[in-house]
Amino acid sequence: MSMTLPDRITYDWLVALDDDALLTAERSLHQVFTSAEDTERRKLGERYELMKGPATLMTAWDRWSRANTEARHRKLNPRRETQRRK
């Protein structure tokens, strides 16, 4: 299931989602964040630090963390397939 995500992830938007929609949004935002993070990790190697990343990485982390926080507040457990980092 695909959904259109707003430009700004707000509390009002998050609480308006039902549990399934919230988990779908969280999964999508997590994919965007991990893609940006993997790019930075490959580029910087051992020098990588999340909080010193570019604005695009920090924005992706912020958007995902808001959805993840709401999911956990509802006692939902986002499930992901784990992959080994290279």
PDB file of N, CA and C in Angstrom:
ATOM      1  N   MET A   1       0.853  -1.181   0.000  1.00  0.00           N
ATOM      2  CA  MET A   1       0.000   0.000   0.000  1.00  0.00           C
ATOM      3  C   MET A   1       0.895   1.239   0.000  1.00  0.00           C
ATOM      4  N   SER A   2       0.612   2.147  -0.888  1.00  0.00           N
ATOM      5  CA  SER A   2       1.385   3.376  -1.003  1.00  0.00           C
ATOM      6  C   SER A   2       0.527   4.543  -0.512  1.00  0.00           C
ATOM      7  N   MET A   3       1.181   5.516   0.084  1.00  0.00           N
ATOM      8  CA  MET A   3       0.440   6.685   0.552  1.00  0.00           C
ATOM      9  C   MET A   3       1.240   7.933   0.221  1.00  0.00           C
ATOM     10  N   THR A   4       0.536   9.022   0.079  1.00  0.00           N
ATOM     11  CA  THR A   4       1.184  10.302  -0.150  1.00  0.00           C
ATOM     12  C   THR A   4       1.489  10.914   1.210  1.00  0.00           C
ATOM     13  N   LEU A   5       2.752  11.230   1.403  1.00  0.00           N
ATOM     14  CA  LEU A   5       3.179  11.828   2.661  1.00  0.00           C
ATOM     15  C   LEU A   5       3.185  13.346   2.530  1.00  0.00           C
ATOM     16  N   PRO A   6       2.762  14.049   3.576  1.00  0.00           N
ATOM     17  CA  PRO A   6       2.778  15.519   3.508  1.00  0.00           C
ATOM     18  C   PRO A   6       4.205  16.055   3.572  1.00  0.00           C
ATOM     19  N   ASP A   7       4.377  17.296   3.168  1.00  0.00           N
ATOM     20  CA  ASP A   7       5.690  17.930   3.252  1.00  0.00           C
ATOM     21  C   ASP A   7       6.164  18.040   4.698  1.00  0.00           C
ATOM     22  N   ARG A   8       5.227  18.304   5.594  1.00  0.00           N
ATOM     23  CA  ARG A   8       5.563  18.416   7.023  1.00  0.00           C
ATOM     24  C   ARG A   8       4.818  17.332   7.784  1.00  0.00           C
ATOM     25  N   ILE A   9       5.542  16.580   8.577  1.00  0.00           N
ATOM     26  CA  ILE A   9       4.934  15.557   9.412  1.00  0.00           C
ATOM     27  C   ILE A   9       4.554  16.229  10.738  1.00  0.00           C
ATOM     28  N   THR A  10       3.271  16.411  10.939  1.00  0.00           N
ATOM     29  CA  THR A  10       2.797  17.106  12.131  1.00  0.00           C
ATOM     30  C   THR A  10       2.059  16.143  13.054  1.00  0.00           C
ATOM     31  N   TYR A  11       1.934  16.547  14.294  1.00  0.00           N
ATOM     32  CA  TYR A  11       1.191  15.759  15.273  1.00  0.00           C
ATOM     33  C   TYR A  11      -0.245  15.548  14.800  1.00  0.00           C
ATOM     34  N   ASP A  12      -0.874  16.601  14.302  1.00  0.00           N
ATOM     35  CA  ASP A  12      -2.266  16.491  13.851  1.00  0.00           C
ATOM     36  C   ASP A  12      -2.415  15.462  12.745  1.00  0.00           C
ATOM     37  N   TRP A  13      -1.460  15.434  11.812  1.00  0.00           N
ATOM     38  CA  TRP A  13      -1.519  14.457  10.722  1.00  0.00           C
ATOM     39  C   TRP A  13      -1.329  13.046  11.268  1.00  0.00           C
ATOM     40  N   LEU A  14      -0.365  12.882  12.152  1.00  0.00           N
ATOM     41  CA  LEU A  14      -0.074  11.557  12.695  1.00  0.00           C
ATOM     42  C   LEU A  14      -1.264  10.985  13.477  1.00  0.00           C
ATOM     43  N   VAL A  15      -1.880  11.790  14.341  1.00  0.00           N
ATOM     44  CA  VAL A  15      -2.975  11.262  15.156  1.00  0.00           C
ATOM     45  C   VAL A  15      -4.235  11.010  14.334  1.00  0.00           C
ATOM     46  N   ALA A  16      -4.331  11.608  13.147  1.00  0.00           N
ATOM     47  CA  ALA A  16      -5.489  11.369  12.281  1.00  0.00           C
ATOM     48  C   ALA A  16      -5.392  10.025  11.559  1.00  0.00           C
ATOM     49  N   LEU A  17      -4.204   9.418  11.543  1.00  0.00           N
ATOM     50  CA  LEU A  17      -4.013   8.140  10.859  1.00  0.00           C
ATOM     51  C   LEU A  17      -4.483   6.989  11.738  1.00  0.00           C
ATOM     52  N   ASP A  18      -5.101   5.977  11.107  1.00  0.00           N
ATOM     53  CA  ASP A  18      -5.376   4.770  11.877  1.00  0.00           C
ATOM     54  C   ASP A  18      -4.074   3.986  12.008  1.00  0.00           C
ATOM     55  N   ASP A  19      -4.073   2.935  12.793  1.00  0.00           N
ATOM     56  CA  ASP A  19      -2.844   2.200  13.077  1.00  0.00           C
ATOM     57  C   ASP A  19      -2.159   1.669  11.815  1.00  0.00           C
ATOM     58  N   ASP A  20      -2.934   1.088  10.905  1.00  0.00           N
ATOM     59  CA  ASP A  20      -2.341   0.539   9.678  1.00  0.00           C
ATOM     60  C   ASP A  20      -1.708   1.626   8.823  1.00  0.00           C
ATOM     61  N   ALA A  21      -2.389   2.765   8.702  1.00  0.00           N
ATOM     62  CA  ALA A  21      -1.851   3.872   7.913  1.00  0.00           C
ATOM     63  C   ALA A  21      -0.591   4.448   8.563  1.00  0.00           C
ATOM     64  N   LEU A  22      -0.595   4.526   9.894  1.00  0.00           N
ATOM     65  CA  LEU A  22       0.581   5.018  10.603  1.00  0.00           C
ATOM     66  C   LEU A  22       1.772   4.097  10.370  1.00  0.00           C
ATOM     67  N   LEU A  23       1.556   2.799  10.454  1.00  0.00           N
ATOM     68  CA  LEU A  23       2.653   1.854  10.212  1.00  0.00           C
ATOM     69  C   LEU A  23       3.147   1.921   8.767  1.00  0.00           C
ATOM     70  N   THR A  24       2.248   2.143   7.833  1.00  0.00           N
ATOM     71  CA  THR A  24       2.646   2.302   6.430  1.00  0.00           C
ATOM     72  C   THR A  24       3.497   3.555   6.262  1.00  0.00           C
ATOM     73  N   ALA A  25       3.075   4.650   6.873  1.00  0.00           N
ATOM     74  CA  ALA A  25       3.836   5.905   6.793  1.00  0.00           C
ATOM     75  C   ALA A  25       5.193   5.744   7.462  1.00  0.00           C
ATOM     76  N   GLU A  26       5.220   5.119   8.631  1.00  0.00           N
ATOM     77  CA  GLU A  26       6.471   4.924   9.356  1.00  0.00           C
ATOM     78  C   GLU A  26       7.439   4.087   8.529  1.00  0.00           C
ATOM     79  N   ARG A  27       6.940   3.043   7.904  1.00  0.00           N
ATOM     80  CA  ARG A  27       7.773   2.176   7.060  1.00  0.00           C
ATOM     81  C   ARG A  27       8.353   2.958   5.882  1.00  0.00           C
ATOM     82  N   SER A  28       7.526   3.748   5.235  1.00  0.00           N
ATOM     83  CA  SER A  28       7.974   4.543   4.098  1.00  0.00           C
ATOM     84  C   SER A  28       9.019   5.575   4.511  1.00  0.00           C
ATOM     85  N   LEU A  29       8.759   6.260   5.608  1.00  0.00           N
ATOM     86  CA  LEU A  29       9.704   7.269   6.098  1.00  0.00           C
ATOM     87  C   LEU A  29      11.013   6.620   6.559  1.00  0.00           C
ATOM     88  N   HIS A  30      10.926   5.429   7.120  1.00  0.00           N
ATOM     89  CA  HIS A  30      12.138   4.708   7.532  1.00  0.00           C
ATOM     90  C   HIS A  30      12.987   4.353   6.306  1.00  0.00           C
ATOM     91  N   GLN A  31      12.347   3.946   5.232  1.00  0.00           N
ATOM     92  CA  GLN A  31      13.082   3.624   4.003  1.00  0.00           C
ATOM     93  C   GLN A  31      13.809   4.851   3.465  1.00  0.00           C
ATOM     94  N   VAL A  32      13.162   6.000   3.491  1.00  0.00           N
ATOM     95  CA  VAL A  32      13.797   7.244   3.022  1.00  0.00           C
ATOM     96  C   VAL A  32      14.996   7.575   3.908  1.00  0.00           C
ATOM     97  N   PHE A  33      14.798   7.471   5.230  1.00  0.00           N
ATOM     98  CA  PHE A  33      15.880   7.768   6.158  1.00  0.00           C
ATOM     99  C   PHE A  33      17.056   6.806   5.978  1.00  0.00           C
ATOM    100  N   THR A  34      16.795   5.510   5.930  1.00  0.00           N
ATOM    101  CA  THR A  34      17.902   4.555   5.833  1.00  0.00           C
ATOM    102  C   THR A  34      18.641   4.684   4.509  1.00  0.00           C
ATOM    103  N   SER A  35      17.937   5.055   3.458  1.00  0.00           N
ATOM    104  CA  SER A  35      18.605   5.283   2.176  1.00  0.00           C
ATOM    105  C   SER A  35      19.569   6.467   2.281  1.00  0.00           C
ATOM    106  N   ALA A  36      19.103   7.560   2.880  1.00  0.00           N
ATOM    107  CA  ALA A  36      19.958   8.746   3.055  1.00  0.00           C
ATOM    108  C   ALA A  36      21.124   8.425   3.984  1.00  0.00           C
ATOM    109  N   GLU A  37      20.847   7.672   5.045  1.00  0.00           N
ATOM    110  CA  GLU A  37      21.894   7.321   5.994  1.00  0.00           C
ATOM    111  C   GLU A  37      22.943   6.410   5.345  1.00  0.00           C
ATOM    112  N   ASP A  38      22.501   5.433   4.580  1.00  0.00           N
ATOM    113  CA  ASP A  38      23.440   4.536   3.914  1.00  0.00           C
ATOM    114  C   ASP A  38      24.342   5.289   2.940  1.00  0.00           C
ATOM    115  N   THR A  39      23.789   6.260   2.247  1.00  0.00           N
ATOM    116  CA  THR A  39      24.577   7.087   1.331  1.00  0.00           C
ATOM    117  C   THR A  39      25.687   7.806   2.091  1.00  0.00           C
ATOM    118  N   GLU A  40      25.334   8.410   3.218  1.00  0.00           N
ATOM    119  CA  GLU A  40      26.334   9.127   4.020  1.00  0.00           C
ATOM    120  C   GLU A  40      27.365   8.178   4.619  1.00  0.00           C
ATOM    121  N   ARG A  41      26.919   7.015   5.074  1.00  0.00           N
ATOM    122  CA  ARG A  41      27.861   6.043   5.643  1.00  0.00           C
ATOM    123  C   ARG A  41      28.882   5.591   4.596  1.00  0.00           C
ATOM    124  N   ARG A  42      28.406   5.349   3.377  1.00  0.00           N
ATOM    125  CA  ARG A  42      29.329   4.943   2.303  1.00  0.00           C
ATOM    126  C   ARG A  42      30.305   6.059   1.969  1.00  0.00           C
ATOM    127  N   LYS A  43      29.809   7.277   1.974  1.00  0.00           N
ATOM    128  CA  LYS A  43      30.637   8.422   1.622  1.00  0.00           C
ATOM    129  C   LYS A  43      31.685   8.726   2.693  1.00  0.00           C
ATOM    130  N   LEU A  44      31.293   8.650   3.962  1.00  0.00           N
ATOM    131  CA  LEU A  44      32.171   9.090   5.046  1.00  0.00           C
ATOM    132  C   LEU A  44      32.860   7.963   5.811  1.00  0.00           C
ATOM    133  N   GLY A  45      32.351   6.749   5.691  1.00  0.00           N
ATOM    134  CA  GLY A  45      32.963   5.629   6.400  1.00  0.00           C
ATOM    135  C   GLY A  45      32.950   5.837   7.906  1.00  0.00           C
ATOM    136  N   GLU A  46      34.102   5.631   8.533  1.00  0.00           N
ATOM    137  CA  GLU A  46      34.203   5.735   9.993  1.00  0.00           C
ATOM    138  C   GLU A  46      33.965   7.156  10.511  1.00  0.00           C
ATOM    139  N   ARG A  47      34.056   8.154   9.649  1.00  0.00           N
ATOM    140  CA  ARG A  47      33.834   9.542  10.074  1.00  0.00           C
ATOM    141  C   ARG A  47      32.353   9.897  10.173  1.00  0.00           C
ATOM    142  N   TYR A  48      31.466   8.967   9.768  1.00  0.00           N
ATOM    143  CA  TYR A  48      30.029   9.235   9.775  1.00  0.00           C
ATOM    144  C   TYR A  48      29.517   9.506  11.193  1.00  0.00           C
ATOM    145  N   GLU A  49      28.750  10.595  11.333  1.00  0.00           N
ATOM    146  CA  GLU A  49      28.038  10.919  12.574  1.00  0.00           C
ATOM    147  C   GLU A  49      26.670  11.462  12.175  1.00  0.00           C
ATOM    148  N   LEU A  50      25.624  10.797  12.623  1.00  0.00           N
ATOM    149  CA  LEU A  50      24.261  11.181  12.235  1.00  0.00           C
ATOM    150  C   LEU A  50      23.995  12.661  12.476  1.00  0.00           C
ATOM    151  N   MET A  51      24.274  13.137  13.670  1.00  0.00           N
ATOM    152  CA  MET A  51      23.914  14.509  14.025  1.00  0.00           C
ATOM    153  C   MET A  51      24.787  15.565  13.360  1.00  0.00           C
ATOM    154  N   LYS A  52      25.778  15.136  12.615  1.00  0.00           N
ATOM    155  CA  LYS A  52      26.605  16.083  11.856  1.00  0.00           C
ATOM    156  C   LYS A  52      26.368  15.923  10.358  1.00  0.00           C
ATOM    157  N   GLY A  53      25.305  15.215  10.009  1.00  0.00           N
ATOM    158  CA  GLY A  53      24.992  14.966   8.607  1.00  0.00           C
ATOM    159  C   GLY A  53      24.378  16.181   7.930  1.00  0.00           C
ATOM    160  N   PRO A  54      24.211  16.088   6.624  1.00  0.00           N
ATOM    161  CA  PRO A  54      23.605  17.193   5.871  1.00  0.00           C
ATOM    162  C   PRO A  54      22.119  17.354   6.218  1.00  0.00           C
ATOM    163  N   ALA A  55      21.582  18.489   5.835  1.00  0.00           N
ATOM    164  CA  ALA A  55      20.186  18.806   6.153  1.00  0.00           C
ATOM    165  C   ALA A  55      19.218  17.750   5.630  1.00  0.00           C
ATOM    166  N   THR A  56      19.498  17.185   4.465  1.00  0.00           N
ATOM    167  CA  THR A  56      18.585  16.177   3.910  1.00  0.00           C
ATOM    168  C   THR A  56      18.519  14.942   4.806  1.00  0.00           C
ATOM    169  N   LEU A  57      19.650  14.541   5.355  1.00  0.00           N
ATOM    170  CA  LEU A  57      19.684  13.394   6.263  1.00  0.00           C
ATOM    171  C   LEU A  57      18.944  13.715   7.551  1.00  0.00           C
ATOM    172  N   MET A  58      19.200  14.881   8.104  1.00  0.00           N
ATOM    173  CA  MET A  58      18.552  15.254   9.360  1.00  0.00           C
ATOM    174  C   MET A  58      17.036  15.414   9.180  1.00  0.00           C
ATOM    175  N   THR A  59      16.614  15.915   8.040  1.00  0.00           N
ATOM    176  CA  THR A  59      15.184  16.044   7.765  1.00  0.00           C
ATOM    177  C   THR A  59      14.544  14.672   7.654  1.00  0.00           C
ATOM    178  N   ALA A  60      15.211  13.754   6.962  1.00  0.00           N
ATOM    179  CA  ALA A  60      14.695  12.390   6.829  1.00  0.00           C
ATOM    180  C   ALA A  60      14.592  11.725   8.197  1.00  0.00           C
ATOM    181  N   TRP A  61      15.607  11.922   9.040  1.00  0.00           N
ATOM    182  CA  TRP A  61      15.582  11.349  10.399  1.00  0.00           C
ATOM    183  C   TRP A  61      14.441  11.967  11.216  1.00  0.00           C
ATOM    184  N   ASP A  62      14.274  13.269  11.146  1.00  0.00           N
ATOM    185  CA  ASP A  62      13.223  13.954  11.896  1.00  0.00           C
ATOM    186  C   ASP A  62      11.840  13.455  11.493  1.00  0.00           C
ATOM    187  N   ARG A  63      11.606  13.348  10.193  1.00  0.00           N
ATOM    188  CA  ARG A  63      10.305  12.896   9.706  1.00  0.00           C
ATOM    189  C   ARG A  63      10.014  11.471  10.169  1.00  0.00           C
ATOM    190  N   TRP A  64      11.008  10.587  10.022  1.00  0.00           N
ATOM    191  CA  TRP A  64      10.818   9.202  10.442  1.00  0.00           C
ATOM    192  C   TRP A  64      10.635   9.102  11.954  1.00  0.00           C
ATOM    193  N   SER A  65      11.445   9.828  12.716  1.00  0.00           N
ATOM    194  CA  SER A  65      11.388   9.694  14.169  1.00  0.00           C
ATOM    195  C   SER A  65      10.039  10.159  14.727  1.00  0.00           C
ATOM    196  N   ARG A  66       9.420  11.128  14.089  1.00  0.00           N
ATOM    197  CA  ARG A  66       8.091  11.573  14.534  1.00  0.00           C
ATOM    198  C   ARG A  66       7.061  10.457  14.362  1.00  0.00           C
ATOM    199  N   ALA A  67       7.092   9.812  13.194  1.00  0.00           N
ATOM    200  CA  ALA A  67       6.151   8.713  12.942  1.00  0.00           C
ATOM    201  C   ALA A  67       6.464   7.521  13.841  1.00  0.00           C
ATOM    202  N   ASN A  68       7.732   7.224  14.039  1.00  0.00           N
ATOM    203  CA  ASN A  68       8.134   6.116  14.889  1.00  0.00           C
ATOM    204  C   ASN A  68       7.715   6.364  16.340  1.00  0.00           C
ATOM    205  N   THR A  69       7.867   7.580  16.808  1.00  0.00           N
ATOM    206  CA  THR A  69       7.466   7.928  18.174  1.00  0.00           C
ATOM    207  C   THR A  69       5.968   7.738  18.365  1.00  0.00           C
ATOM    208  N   GLU A  70       5.172   8.174  17.398  1.00  0.00           N
ATOM    209  CA  GLU A  70       3.720   8.003  17.500  1.00  0.00           C
ATOM    210  C   GLU A  70       3.348   6.523  17.477  1.00  0.00           C
ATOM    211  N   ALA A  71       4.008   5.751  16.628  1.00  0.00           N
ATOM    212  CA  ALA A  71       3.729   4.306  16.570  1.00  0.00           C
ATOM    213  C   ALA A  71       4.039   3.659  17.921  1.00  0.00           C
ATOM    214  N   ARG A  72       5.151   3.996  18.493  1.00  0.00           N
ATOM    215  CA  ARG A  72       5.522   3.411  19.788  1.00  0.00           C
ATOM    216  C   ARG A  72       4.607   3.910  20.906  1.00  0.00           C
ATOM    217  N   HIS A  73       4.166   5.161  20.814  1.00  0.00           N
ATOM    218  CA  HIS A  73       3.209   5.694  21.787  1.00  0.00           C
ATOM    219  C   HIS A  73       1.914   4.866  21.776  1.00  0.00           C
ATOM    220  N   ARG A  74       1.527   4.414  20.584  1.00  0.00           N
ATOM    221  CA  ARG A  74       0.327   3.579  20.453  1.00  0.00           C
ATOM    222  C   ARG A  74       0.618   2.104  20.757  1.00  0.00           C
ATOM    223  N   LYS A  75       1.829   1.818  21.150  1.00  0.00           N
ATOM    224  CA  LYS A  75       2.265   0.456  21.452  1.00  0.00           C
ATOM    225  C   LYS A  75       2.255  -0.439  20.211  1.00  0.00           C
ATOM    226  N   LEU A  76       2.495   0.180  19.061  1.00  0.00           N
ATOM    227  CA  LEU A  76       2.647  -0.564  17.808  1.00  0.00           C
ATOM    228  C   LEU A  76       4.126  -0.895  17.641  1.00  0.00           C
ATOM    229  N   ASN A  77       4.409  -1.967  16.968  1.00  0.00           N
ATOM    230  CA  ASN A  77       5.798  -2.371  16.776  1.00  0.00           C
ATOM    231  C   ASN A  77       6.093  -2.460  15.281  1.00  0.00           C
ATOM    232  N   PRO A  78       6.707  -1.410  14.727  1.00  0.00           N
ATOM    233  CA  PRO A  78       7.059  -1.474  13.306  1.00  0.00           C
ATOM    234  C   PRO A  78       8.029  -2.631  13.070  1.00  0.00           C
ATOM    235  N   ARG A  79       7.687  -3.504  12.159  1.00  0.00           N
ATOM    236  CA  ARG A  79       8.547  -4.653  11.866  1.00  0.00           C
ATOM    237  C   ARG A  79       9.268  -4.414  10.540  1.00  0.00           C
ATOM    238  N   ARG A  80      10.539  -4.754  10.558  1.00  0.00           N
ATOM    239  CA  ARG A  80      11.344  -4.594   9.352  1.00  0.00           C
ATOM    240  C   ARG A  80      12.183  -5.838   9.144  1.00  0.00           C
ATOM    241  N   GLU A  81      12.487  -6.093   7.904  1.00  0.00           N
ATOM    242  CA  GLU A  81      13.458  -7.132   7.616  1.00  0.00           C
ATOM    243  C   GLU A  81      14.827  -6.530   7.925  1.00  0.00           C
ATOM    244  N   THR A  82      15.623  -7.245   8.664  1.00  0.00           N
ATOM    245  CA  THR A  82      16.941  -6.714   9.007  1.00  0.00           C
ATOM    246  C   THR A  82      17.939  -7.072   7.918  1.00  0.00           C
ATOM    247  N   GLN A  83      18.822  -6.149   7.672  1.00  0.00           N
ATOM    248  CA  GLN A  83      19.873  -6.364   6.686  1.00  0.00           C
ATOM    249  C   GLN A  83      21.194  -6.023   7.336  1.00  0.00           C
ATOM    250  N   ARG A  84      22.201  -6.773   6.996  1.00  0.00           N
ATOM    251  CA  ARG A  84      23.524  -6.466   7.508  1.00  0.00           C
ATOM    252  C   ARG A  84      24.069  -5.242   6.815  1.00  0.00           C
ATOM    253  N   ARG A  85      24.675  -4.376   7.589  1.00  0.00           N
ATOM    254  CA  ARG A  85      25.341  -3.204   7.021  1.00  0.00           C
ATOM    255  C   ARG A  85      26.669  -3.630   6.460  1.00  0.00           C
ATOM    256  N   LYS A  86      27.021  -3.063   5.343  1.00  0.00           N
ATOM    257  CA  LYS A  86      28.307  -3.379   4.720  1.00  0.00           C
ATOM    258  C   LYS A  86      29.311  -2.313   5.003  1.00  0.00           C
TER     259      LYS A  86
END
